[in-house]
Amino acid sequence: RDGKLKFANKRSEVHWKFREALDPDYGATMALPPDKELLGDLCAAKWSIKTGRIYIESKDEIIKRLGRSPDCADAVVLAWGGSQTWLVS
């Protein structure tokens, strides 16, 4: 939130900002439907910080771990982010 770290790519940025938008400690009012698959998808990604940049785990790595694609999370984050361009990053 303080802008000290940058993002490795647009996909990392949109997912991170979506997480922030859900954080009630910062006054978030967004709510998600009670869907177990969506919750699992949103919690599945691993994060890392390298050379001052925030990276989200690749979708291929998430698929390897879950045994399926996190399509529910992608759909919600994509709709919230308003642009499909981050998916190609």
C-alpha atoms as a PDB file:
ATOM      1  CA  ARG A   1       0.000   0.000   0.000  1.00  0.00           C
ATOM      2  CA  ASP A   2       2.853   2.379   0.669  1.00  0.00           C
ATOM      3  CA  GLY A   3       4.264   2.016  -2.858  1.00  0.00           C
ATOM      4  CA  LYS A   4       7.739   0.972  -1.721  1.00  0.00           C
ATOM      5  CA  LEU A   5       7.613  -2.213  -3.762  1.00  0.00           C
ATOM      6  CA  LYS A   6       6.887  -2.456  -7.479  1.00  0.00           C
ATOM      7  CA  PHE A   7       5.187  -5.283  -9.334  1.00  0.00           C
ATOM      8  CA  ALA A   8       6.892  -7.764 -11.628  1.00  0.00           C
ATOM      9  CA  ASN A   9       4.041  -7.618 -14.130  1.00  0.00           C
ATOM     10  CA  LYS A  10       0.439  -6.513 -14.546  1.00  0.00           C
ATOM     11  CA  ARG A  11      -0.952  -9.877 -13.432  1.00  0.00           C
ATOM     12  CA  SER A  12       0.885  -9.588 -10.115  1.00  0.00           C
ATOM     13  CA  GLU A  13      -0.315  -6.029  -9.676  1.00  0.00           C
ATOM     14  CA  VAL A  14      -3.995  -6.732 -10.333  1.00  0.00           C
ATOM     15  CA  HIS A  15      -4.078  -9.794  -8.074  1.00  0.00           C
ATOM     16  CA  TRP A  16      -2.269  -7.935  -5.270  1.00  0.00           C
ATOM     17  CA  LYS A  17      -4.573  -4.916  -5.503  1.00  0.00           C
ATOM     18  CA  PHE A  18      -7.581  -7.239  -5.484  1.00  0.00           C
ATOM     19  CA  ARG A  19      -6.289  -8.750  -2.228  1.00  0.00           C
ATOM     20  CA  GLU A  20      -5.957  -5.255  -0.804  1.00  0.00           C
ATOM     21  CA  ALA A  21      -9.503  -4.442  -1.906  1.00  0.00           C
ATOM     22  CA  LEU A  22     -10.753  -7.360   0.201  1.00  0.00           C
ATOM     23  CA  ASP A  23      -8.857  -6.341   3.358  1.00  0.00           C
ATOM     24  CA  PRO A  24     -11.341  -5.151   6.015  1.00  0.00           C
ATOM     25  CA  ASP A  25      -8.482  -3.635   8.055  1.00  0.00           C
ATOM     26  CA  TYR A  26      -8.306  -0.921   5.421  1.00  0.00           C
ATOM     27  CA  GLY A  27     -12.023  -0.227   5.170  1.00  0.00           C
ATOM     28  CA  ALA A  28     -12.775  -2.653   2.340  1.00  0.00           C
ATOM     29  CA  THR A  29     -16.467  -3.176   1.730  1.00  0.00           C
ATOM     30  CA  MET A  30     -16.263  -5.643  -1.154  1.00  0.00           C
ATOM     31  CA  ALA A  31     -17.846  -9.034  -0.555  1.00  0.00           C
ATOM     32  CA  LEU A  32     -17.554 -12.301  -2.424  1.00  0.00           C
ATOM     33  CA  PRO A  33     -20.158 -15.034  -2.869  1.00  0.00           C
ATOM     34  CA  PRO A  34     -19.885 -18.038  -0.520  1.00  0.00           C
ATOM     35  CA  ASP A  35     -18.190 -20.310  -3.038  1.00  0.00           C
ATOM     36  CA  LYS A  36     -15.620 -22.873  -1.869  1.00  0.00           C
ATOM     37  CA  GLU A  37     -13.946 -23.196  -5.267  1.00  0.00           C
ATOM     38  CA  LEU A  38     -13.555 -19.418  -5.570  1.00  0.00           C
ATOM     39  CA  LEU A  39     -12.122 -19.185  -2.066  1.00  0.00           C
ATOM     40  CA  GLY A  40      -9.673 -21.980  -2.809  1.00  0.00           C
ATOM     41  CA  ASP A  41      -8.617 -20.386  -6.075  1.00  0.00           C
ATOM     42  CA  LEU A  42      -8.061 -16.982  -4.480  1.00  0.00           C
ATOM     43  CA  CYS A  43      -5.979 -18.489  -1.679  1.00  0.00           C
ATOM     44  CA  ALA A  44      -3.942 -20.798  -3.923  1.00  0.00           C
ATOM     45  CA  ALA A  45      -1.382 -18.411  -5.389  1.00  0.00           C
ATOM     46  CA  LYS A  46       1.994 -18.079  -3.719  1.00  0.00           C
ATOM     47  CA  TRP A  47       3.827 -14.777  -3.644  1.00  0.00           C
ATOM     48  CA  SER A  48       7.470 -13.794  -3.619  1.00  0.00           C
ATOM     49  CA  ILE A  49       9.502 -10.607  -3.520  1.00  0.00           C
ATOM     50  CA  LYS A  50      12.665 -10.436  -5.594  1.00  0.00           C
ATOM     51  CA  THR A  51      14.781  -7.350  -6.127  1.00  0.00           C
ATOM     52  CA  GLY A  52      12.044  -5.096  -4.783  1.00  0.00           C
ATOM     53  CA  ARG A  53       9.308  -6.512  -7.010  1.00  0.00           C
ATOM     54  CA  ILE A  54       6.231  -8.515  -6.050  1.00  0.00           C
ATOM     55  CA  TYR A  55       5.682 -11.697  -8.067  1.00  0.00           C
ATOM     56  CA  ILE A  56       2.623 -13.920  -8.135  1.00  0.00           C
ATOM     57  CA  GLU A  57       3.184 -17.582  -8.865  1.00  0.00           C
ATOM     58  CA  SER A  58       2.601 -18.496 -12.503  1.00  0.00           C
ATOM     59  CA  LYS A  59      -0.738 -19.952 -13.454  1.00  0.00           C
ATOM     60  CA  ASP A  60       1.042 -23.100 -14.688  1.00  0.00           C
ATOM     61  CA  GLU A  61       2.579 -23.614 -11.236  1.00  0.00           C
ATOM     62  CA  ILE A  62      -0.805 -23.106  -9.566  1.00  0.00           C
ATOM     63  CA  ILE A  63      -2.348 -25.671 -11.911  1.00  0.00           C
ATOM     64  CA  LYS A  64       0.403 -28.182 -11.062  1.00  0.00           C
ATOM     65  CA  ARG A  65      -0.281 -27.811  -7.340  1.00  0.00           C
ATOM     66  CA  LEU A  66      -4.089 -27.717  -7.505  1.00  0.00           C
ATOM     67  CA  GLY A  67      -4.548 -30.238 -10.281  1.00  0.00           C
ATOM     68  CA  ARG A  68      -6.913 -27.780 -11.992  1.00  0.00           C
ATOM     69  CA  SER A  69      -7.000 -24.250 -13.274  1.00  0.00           C
ATOM     70  CA  PRO A  70      -7.933 -21.392 -10.900  1.00  0.00           C
ATOM     71  CA  ASP A  71     -10.515 -20.155 -13.399  1.00  0.00           C
ATOM     72  CA  CYS A  72     -12.992 -18.904 -10.776  1.00  0.00           C
ATOM     73  CA  ALA A  73     -10.398 -16.559  -9.275  1.00  0.00           C
ATOM     74  CA  ASP A  74      -9.280 -15.410 -12.708  1.00  0.00           C
ATOM     75  CA  ALA A  75     -12.862 -14.545 -13.665  1.00  0.00           C
ATOM     76  CA  VAL A  76     -13.514 -12.530 -10.504  1.00  0.00           C
ATOM     77  CA  VAL A  77     -10.172 -10.704 -10.543  1.00  0.00           C
ATOM     78  CA  LEU A  78     -10.524 -10.012 -14.261  1.00  0.00           C
ATOM     79  CA  ALA A  79     -14.024  -8.587 -13.822  1.00  0.00           C
ATOM     80  CA  TRP A  80     -12.837  -6.454 -10.898  1.00  0.00           C
ATOM     81  CA  GLY A  81      -9.734  -5.276 -12.757  1.00  0.00           C
ATOM     82  CA  GLY A  82     -11.709  -4.339 -15.858  1.00  0.00           C
ATOM     83  CA  SER A  83      -9.084  -5.424 -18.368  1.00  0.00           C
ATOM     84  CA  GLN A  84      -7.958  -8.687 -19.917  1.00  0.00           C
ATOM     85  CA  THR A  85      -4.481  -7.419 -20.784  1.00  0.00           C
ATOM     86  CA  TRP A  86      -2.933  -8.539 -17.465  1.00  0.00           C
ATOM     87  CA  LEU A  87      -3.594 -12.207 -18.228  1.00  0.00           C
ATOM     88  CA  VAL A  88      -0.868 -12.310 -20.854  1.00  0.00           C
ATOM     89  CA  SER A  89       1.845 -11.082 -18.470  1.00  0.00           C
END
